[in-house]
């Protein structure tokens, strides 16, 4: 398993099939709370709440999970630049990924 170490025991790996439902639950909570920070209600990327869509993203190698030790702490959809440039909701996915990683790093540093 290839993993990128982020410090303090956090690492990012391609998503495991048994984690997809948890990842979808996290996605729903993350996008539904966007309204609390100025987002428009219902302005979510397509598939953000779909287990099947996340399974497809995992099969295509785009879904990653963030782990601290053995605990799932987040996830991100990562697209290669040529594909990303053609996507209508690319900003939402990229922004969500960055915010997710930023919030994970913030939580990790609180524990250090």
N, C-alpha and C. Protein backbone atom coordinates (compact mmCIF):
# COMPACT_ATOMS: atom_id res chain seq x y z
N UNK A 1 0.84 -1.17 0.00
CA UNK A 1 0.00 0.00 0.00
C UNK A 1 0.90 1.24 0.00
N UNK A 2 0.73 2.07 -1.03
CA UNK A 2 1.50 3.32 -1.12
C UNK A 2 0.78 4.37 -0.28
N UNK A 3 1.52 5.06 0.55
CA UNK A 3 0.89 6.09 1.35
C UNK A 3 1.79 7.31 1.47
N UNK A 4 1.14 8.45 1.59
CA UNK A 4 1.87 9.71 1.76
C UNK A 4 1.76 10.10 3.23
N UNK A 5 2.86 10.15 3.92
CA UNK A 5 2.86 10.51 5.33
C UNK A 5 2.71 12.02 5.46
N UNK A 6 1.79 12.46 6.29
CA UNK A 6 1.51 13.88 6.47
C UNK A 6 2.02 14.39 7.82
N UNK A 7 2.59 13.54 8.65
CA UNK A 7 3.05 13.95 9.97
C UNK A 7 2.09 13.52 11.05
N UNK A 8 2.60 13.32 12.23
CA UNK A 8 1.80 12.95 13.40
C UNK A 8 0.93 11.73 13.16
N UNK A 9 1.40 10.80 12.36
CA UNK A 9 0.65 9.57 12.13
C UNK A 9 -0.43 9.66 11.07
N UNK A 10 -0.59 10.80 10.43
CA UNK A 10 -1.61 10.91 9.39
C UNK A 10 -1.04 10.53 8.04
N UNK A 11 -1.83 9.80 7.26
CA UNK A 11 -1.42 9.44 5.92
C UNK A 11 -2.65 9.37 5.02
N UNK A 12 -2.41 9.48 3.72
CA UNK A 12 -3.47 9.45 2.72
C UNK A 12 -3.21 8.27 1.80
N UNK A 13 -4.24 7.45 1.60
CA UNK A 13 -4.14 6.28 0.74
C UNK A 13 -5.37 6.22 -0.16
N UNK A 14 -5.28 5.43 -1.21
CA UNK A 14 -6.47 5.19 -2.02
C UNK A 14 -7.53 4.57 -1.13
N UNK A 15 -8.76 4.96 -1.35
CA UNK A 15 -9.86 4.52 -0.48
C UNK A 15 -10.06 3.02 -0.55
N UNK A 16 -10.35 2.46 0.61
CA UNK A 16 -10.66 1.04 0.71
C UNK A 16 -12.17 0.85 0.61
N UNK A 17 -12.60 -0.22 -0.04
CA UNK A 17 -14.02 -0.47 -0.28
C UNK A 17 -14.84 -0.47 1.01
N UNK A 18 -14.28 -0.99 2.08
CA UNK A 18 -15.04 -1.06 3.33
C UNK A 18 -15.16 0.29 4.04
N UNK A 19 -14.55 1.33 3.50
CA UNK A 19 -14.63 2.67 4.10
C UNK A 19 -15.57 3.60 3.33
N UNK A 20 -16.06 3.17 2.18
CA UNK A 20 -16.81 4.08 1.29
C UNK A 20 -18.07 4.62 1.95
N UNK A 21 -18.84 3.81 2.64
CA UNK A 21 -20.06 4.33 3.27
C UNK A 21 -19.73 5.38 4.33
N UNK A 22 -18.66 5.18 5.08
CA UNK A 22 -18.23 6.19 6.06
C UNK A 22 -17.80 7.47 5.36
N UNK A 23 -17.10 7.31 4.23
CA UNK A 23 -16.66 8.48 3.47
C UNK A 23 -17.86 9.27 2.95
N UNK A 24 -18.89 8.57 2.47
CA UNK A 24 -20.10 9.25 1.99
C UNK A 24 -20.77 10.00 3.14
N UNK A 25 -20.86 9.39 4.30
CA UNK A 25 -21.44 10.08 5.47
C UNK A 25 -20.65 11.36 5.77
N UNK A 26 -19.32 11.29 5.70
CA UNK A 26 -18.50 12.48 5.93
C UNK A 26 -18.76 13.53 4.87
N UNK A 27 -18.89 13.10 3.62
CA UNK A 27 -19.15 14.02 2.52
C UNK A 27 -20.47 14.76 2.72
N UNK A 28 -21.50 14.02 3.10
CA UNK A 28 -22.80 14.64 3.33
C UNK A 28 -22.70 15.68 4.44
N UNK A 29 -22.08 15.30 5.56
CA UNK A 29 -21.95 16.26 6.68
C UNK A 29 -21.15 17.49 6.26
N UNK A 30 -20.08 17.27 5.49
CA UNK A 30 -19.23 18.39 5.09
C UNK A 30 -19.97 19.37 4.18
N UNK A 31 -20.65 18.85 3.15
CA UNK A 31 -21.32 19.75 2.22
C UNK A 31 -22.59 20.36 2.80
N UNK A 32 -23.30 19.64 3.67
CA UNK A 32 -24.50 20.19 4.27
C UNK A 32 -24.19 21.32 5.25
N UNK A 33 -22.99 21.36 5.79
CA UNK A 33 -22.63 22.44 6.72
C UNK A 33 -22.02 23.64 6.01
N UNK A 34 -21.86 23.59 4.69
CA UNK A 34 -21.35 24.74 3.94
C UNK A 34 -22.18 25.99 4.18
N UNK A 35 -23.49 25.83 4.39
CA UNK A 35 -24.36 26.99 4.62
C UNK A 35 -23.94 27.74 5.89
N UNK A 36 -23.30 27.05 6.82
CA UNK A 36 -22.86 27.70 8.06
C UNK A 36 -21.68 28.65 7.84
N UNK A 37 -21.03 28.54 6.69
CA UNK A 37 -19.88 29.41 6.40
C UNK A 37 -20.10 30.19 5.10
N UNK A 38 -21.37 30.46 4.78
CA UNK A 38 -21.67 31.32 3.65
C UNK A 38 -22.02 30.62 2.35
N UNK A 39 -22.02 29.30 2.34
CA UNK A 39 -22.36 28.56 1.13
C UNK A 39 -23.86 28.61 0.85
N UNK A 40 -24.23 28.33 -0.39
CA UNK A 40 -25.63 28.31 -0.78
C UNK A 40 -26.21 26.93 -0.50
N UNK A 41 -27.35 26.90 0.16
CA UNK A 41 -27.99 25.62 0.48
C UNK A 41 -28.28 24.85 -0.82
N UNK A 42 -27.90 23.58 -0.84
CA UNK A 42 -28.15 22.72 -1.99
C UNK A 42 -27.13 22.83 -3.10
N UNK A 43 -26.15 23.72 -2.97
CA UNK A 43 -25.13 23.88 -4.01
C UNK A 43 -23.99 22.89 -3.76
N UNK A 44 -24.30 21.63 -4.00
CA UNK A 44 -23.34 20.56 -3.76
C UNK A 44 -22.96 19.91 -5.09
N UNK A 45 -21.76 19.37 -5.17
CA UNK A 45 -21.37 18.71 -6.41
C UNK A 45 -22.17 17.43 -6.63
N UNK A 46 -22.38 17.05 -7.87
CA UNK A 46 -23.13 15.82 -8.14
C UNK A 46 -22.41 14.62 -7.55
N UNK A 47 -23.18 13.72 -6.95
CA UNK A 47 -22.61 12.50 -6.40
C UNK A 47 -22.08 12.60 -5.00
N UNK A 48 -22.10 13.79 -4.41
CA UNK A 48 -21.51 13.96 -3.08
C UNK A 48 -22.16 13.05 -2.04
N UNK A 49 -23.42 12.66 -2.27
CA UNK A 49 -24.15 11.85 -1.30
C UNK A 49 -24.45 10.43 -1.80
N UNK A 50 -23.76 10.01 -2.84
CA UNK A 50 -24.03 8.72 -3.48
C UNK A 50 -22.94 7.69 -3.20
N UNK A 51 -23.34 6.57 -2.60
CA UNK A 51 -22.40 5.48 -2.36
C UNK A 51 -21.90 4.92 -3.70
N UNK A 52 -22.82 4.75 -4.64
CA UNK A 52 -22.42 4.19 -5.95
C UNK A 52 -21.42 5.09 -6.67
N UNK A 53 -21.64 6.40 -6.61
CA UNK A 53 -20.71 7.32 -7.28
C UNK A 53 -19.34 7.24 -6.63
N UNK A 54 -19.29 7.19 -5.30
CA UNK A 54 -18.00 7.08 -4.61
C UNK A 54 -17.32 5.75 -4.93
N UNK A 55 -18.11 4.68 -5.05
CA UNK A 55 -17.53 3.39 -5.46
C UNK A 55 -16.90 3.51 -6.85
N UNK A 56 -17.59 4.20 -7.75
CA UNK A 56 -17.05 4.41 -9.10
C UNK A 56 -15.76 5.22 -9.04
N UNK A 57 -15.75 6.28 -8.23
CA UNK A 57 -14.54 7.08 -8.09
C UNK A 57 -13.38 6.25 -7.53
N UNK A 58 -13.69 5.34 -6.61
CA UNK A 58 -12.66 4.44 -6.06
C UNK A 58 -12.14 3.50 -7.15
N UNK A 59 -13.06 2.92 -7.93
CA UNK A 59 -12.65 2.02 -9.03
C UNK A 59 -11.76 2.74 -10.03
N UNK A 60 -12.05 4.02 -10.28
CA UNK A 60 -11.28 4.80 -11.25
C UNK A 60 -10.00 5.38 -10.64
N UNK A 61 -9.79 5.15 -9.34
CA UNK A 61 -8.56 5.61 -8.68
C UNK A 61 -8.56 7.06 -8.26
N UNK A 62 -9.74 7.68 -8.12
CA UNK A 62 -9.83 9.09 -7.75
C UNK A 62 -10.14 9.33 -6.27
N UNK A 63 -10.61 8.31 -5.55
CA UNK A 63 -11.04 8.48 -4.17
C UNK A 63 -9.93 8.09 -3.21
N UNK A 64 -9.59 9.01 -2.32
CA UNK A 64 -8.54 8.79 -1.33
C UNK A 64 -9.12 8.98 0.07
N UNK A 65 -8.56 8.27 1.03
CA UNK A 65 -8.98 8.43 2.42
C UNK A 65 -7.81 8.90 3.24
N UNK A 66 -8.10 9.77 4.20
CA UNK A 66 -7.09 10.27 5.12
C UNK A 66 -7.24 9.51 6.43
N UNK A 67 -6.12 9.02 6.95
CA UNK A 67 -6.13 8.20 8.15
C UNK A 67 -5.19 8.79 9.19
N UNK A 68 -5.56 8.68 10.44
CA UNK A 68 -4.64 8.92 11.55
C UNK A 68 -4.60 7.59 12.29
N UNK A 69 -3.42 7.01 12.25
CA UNK A 69 -3.24 5.65 12.74
C UNK A 69 -4.23 4.77 12.00
N UNK A 70 -5.20 4.16 12.67
CA UNK A 70 -6.16 3.29 11.98
C UNK A 70 -7.54 3.92 11.85
N UNK A 71 -7.64 5.23 12.16
CA UNK A 71 -8.93 5.91 12.14
C UNK A 71 -9.10 6.72 10.86
N UNK A 72 -10.25 6.55 10.21
CA UNK A 72 -10.61 7.35 9.05
C UNK A 72 -10.97 8.75 9.53
N UNK A 73 -10.28 9.77 9.01
CA UNK A 73 -10.53 11.14 9.45
C UNK A 73 -10.99 12.06 8.31
N UNK A 74 -11.01 11.55 7.09
CA UNK A 74 -11.44 12.37 5.97
C UNK A 74 -11.21 11.67 4.65
N UNK A 75 -11.55 12.36 3.58
CA UNK A 75 -11.39 11.81 2.24
C UNK A 75 -11.36 12.94 1.23
N UNK A 76 -10.92 12.62 0.03
CA UNK A 76 -10.89 13.61 -1.05
C UNK A 76 -11.00 12.90 -2.38
N UNK A 77 -11.63 13.57 -3.33
CA UNK A 77 -11.68 13.11 -4.72
C UNK A 77 -10.59 13.89 -5.44
N UNK A 78 -9.69 13.20 -6.11
CA UNK A 78 -8.57 13.84 -6.79
C UNK A 78 -8.63 13.46 -8.27
N UNK A 79 -8.71 14.48 -9.12
CA UNK A 79 -8.75 14.27 -10.56
C UNK A 79 -7.49 14.80 -11.21
N UNK A 80 -7.01 14.12 -12.26
CA UNK A 80 -5.87 14.66 -13.00
C UNK A 80 -6.29 15.96 -13.70
N UNK A 81 -5.37 16.86 -13.89
CA UNK A 81 -5.66 18.19 -14.44
C UNK A 81 -6.46 18.15 -15.76
N UNK A 82 -6.11 17.33 -16.76
CA UNK A 82 -6.90 17.36 -18.00
C UNK A 82 -8.37 17.04 -17.78
N UNK A 83 -8.68 16.09 -16.92
CA UNK A 83 -10.06 15.74 -16.63
C UNK A 83 -10.71 16.84 -15.80
N UNK A 84 -9.99 17.35 -14.84
CA UNK A 84 -10.51 18.37 -13.94
C UNK A 84 -10.91 19.63 -14.70
N UNK A 85 -10.16 19.99 -15.72
CA UNK A 85 -10.44 21.23 -16.45
C UNK A 85 -11.76 21.16 -17.22
N UNK A 86 -12.30 19.96 -17.45
CA UNK A 86 -13.56 19.80 -18.19
C UNK A 86 -14.76 19.64 -17.26
N UNK A 87 -14.54 19.63 -15.96
CA UNK A 87 -15.62 19.35 -15.02
C UNK A 87 -16.33 20.63 -14.58
N UNK A 88 -17.65 20.59 -14.58
CA UNK A 88 -18.46 21.74 -14.16
C UNK A 88 -18.23 22.06 -12.68
N UNK A 89 -18.15 21.04 -11.84
CA UNK A 89 -18.04 21.25 -10.40
C UNK A 89 -16.62 21.07 -9.89
N UNK A 90 -15.63 21.26 -10.75
CA UNK A 90 -14.25 21.01 -10.33
C UNK A 90 -13.86 21.87 -9.13
N UNK A 91 -14.32 23.11 -9.10
CA UNK A 91 -13.96 23.99 -7.99
C UNK A 91 -14.48 23.42 -6.68
N UNK A 92 -15.67 22.88 -6.68
CA UNK A 92 -16.24 22.32 -5.45
C UNK A 92 -15.41 21.15 -4.95
N UNK A 93 -15.01 20.27 -5.86
CA UNK A 93 -14.23 19.11 -5.44
C UNK A 93 -12.84 19.52 -4.96
N UNK A 94 -12.20 20.42 -5.69
CA UNK A 94 -10.86 20.86 -5.30
C UNK A 94 -10.93 21.60 -3.97
N UNK A 95 -11.88 22.52 -3.85
CA UNK A 95 -12.03 23.28 -2.61
C UNK A 95 -12.33 22.35 -1.44
N UNK A 96 -13.23 21.39 -1.64
CA UNK A 96 -13.55 20.45 -0.57
C UNK A 96 -12.33 19.66 -0.15
N UNK A 97 -11.53 19.23 -1.12
CA UNK A 97 -10.32 18.49 -0.81
C UNK A 97 -9.34 19.32 0.00
N UNK A 98 -9.13 20.57 -0.42
CA UNK A 98 -8.21 21.45 0.30
C UNK A 98 -8.73 21.76 1.70
N UNK A 99 -10.03 22.06 1.82
CA UNK A 99 -10.59 22.35 3.13
C UNK A 99 -10.51 21.13 4.03
N UNK A 100 -10.75 19.97 3.46
CA UNK A 100 -10.66 18.74 4.23
C UNK A 100 -9.25 18.55 4.75
N UNK A 101 -8.29 18.67 3.88
CA UNK A 101 -6.90 18.47 4.29
C UNK A 101 -6.48 19.54 5.29
N UNK A 102 -6.90 20.78 5.07
CA UNK A 102 -6.56 21.86 6.01
C UNK A 102 -7.16 21.59 7.37
N UNK A 103 -8.40 21.13 7.41
CA UNK A 103 -9.03 20.88 8.71
C UNK A 103 -8.39 19.68 9.40
N UNK A 104 -7.97 18.69 8.63
CA UNK A 104 -7.29 17.54 9.23
C UNK A 104 -5.96 17.97 9.82
N UNK A 105 -5.20 18.75 9.07
CA UNK A 105 -3.90 19.20 9.56
C UNK A 105 -4.09 20.04 10.82
N UNK A 106 -5.12 20.90 10.84
CA UNK A 106 -5.39 21.71 12.03
C UNK A 106 -5.69 20.82 13.23
N UNK A 107 -6.51 19.78 13.03
CA UNK A 107 -6.84 18.88 14.14
C UNK A 107 -5.61 18.10 14.60
N UNK A 108 -4.78 17.70 13.66
CA UNK A 108 -3.58 16.94 14.01
C UNK A 108 -2.65 17.81 14.86
N UNK A 109 -2.49 19.08 14.46
CA UNK A 109 -1.58 19.94 15.19
C UNK A 109 -2.10 20.27 16.58
N UNK A 110 -3.43 20.20 16.78
CA UNK A 110 -3.98 20.42 18.11
C UNK A 110 -3.55 19.32 19.08
N UNK A 111 -3.35 18.12 18.55
CA UNK A 111 -2.99 16.97 19.39
C UNK A 111 -1.51 16.86 19.63
N UNK A 112 -0.70 17.60 18.86
CA UNK A 112 0.76 17.48 18.98
C UNK A 112 1.27 18.28 20.16
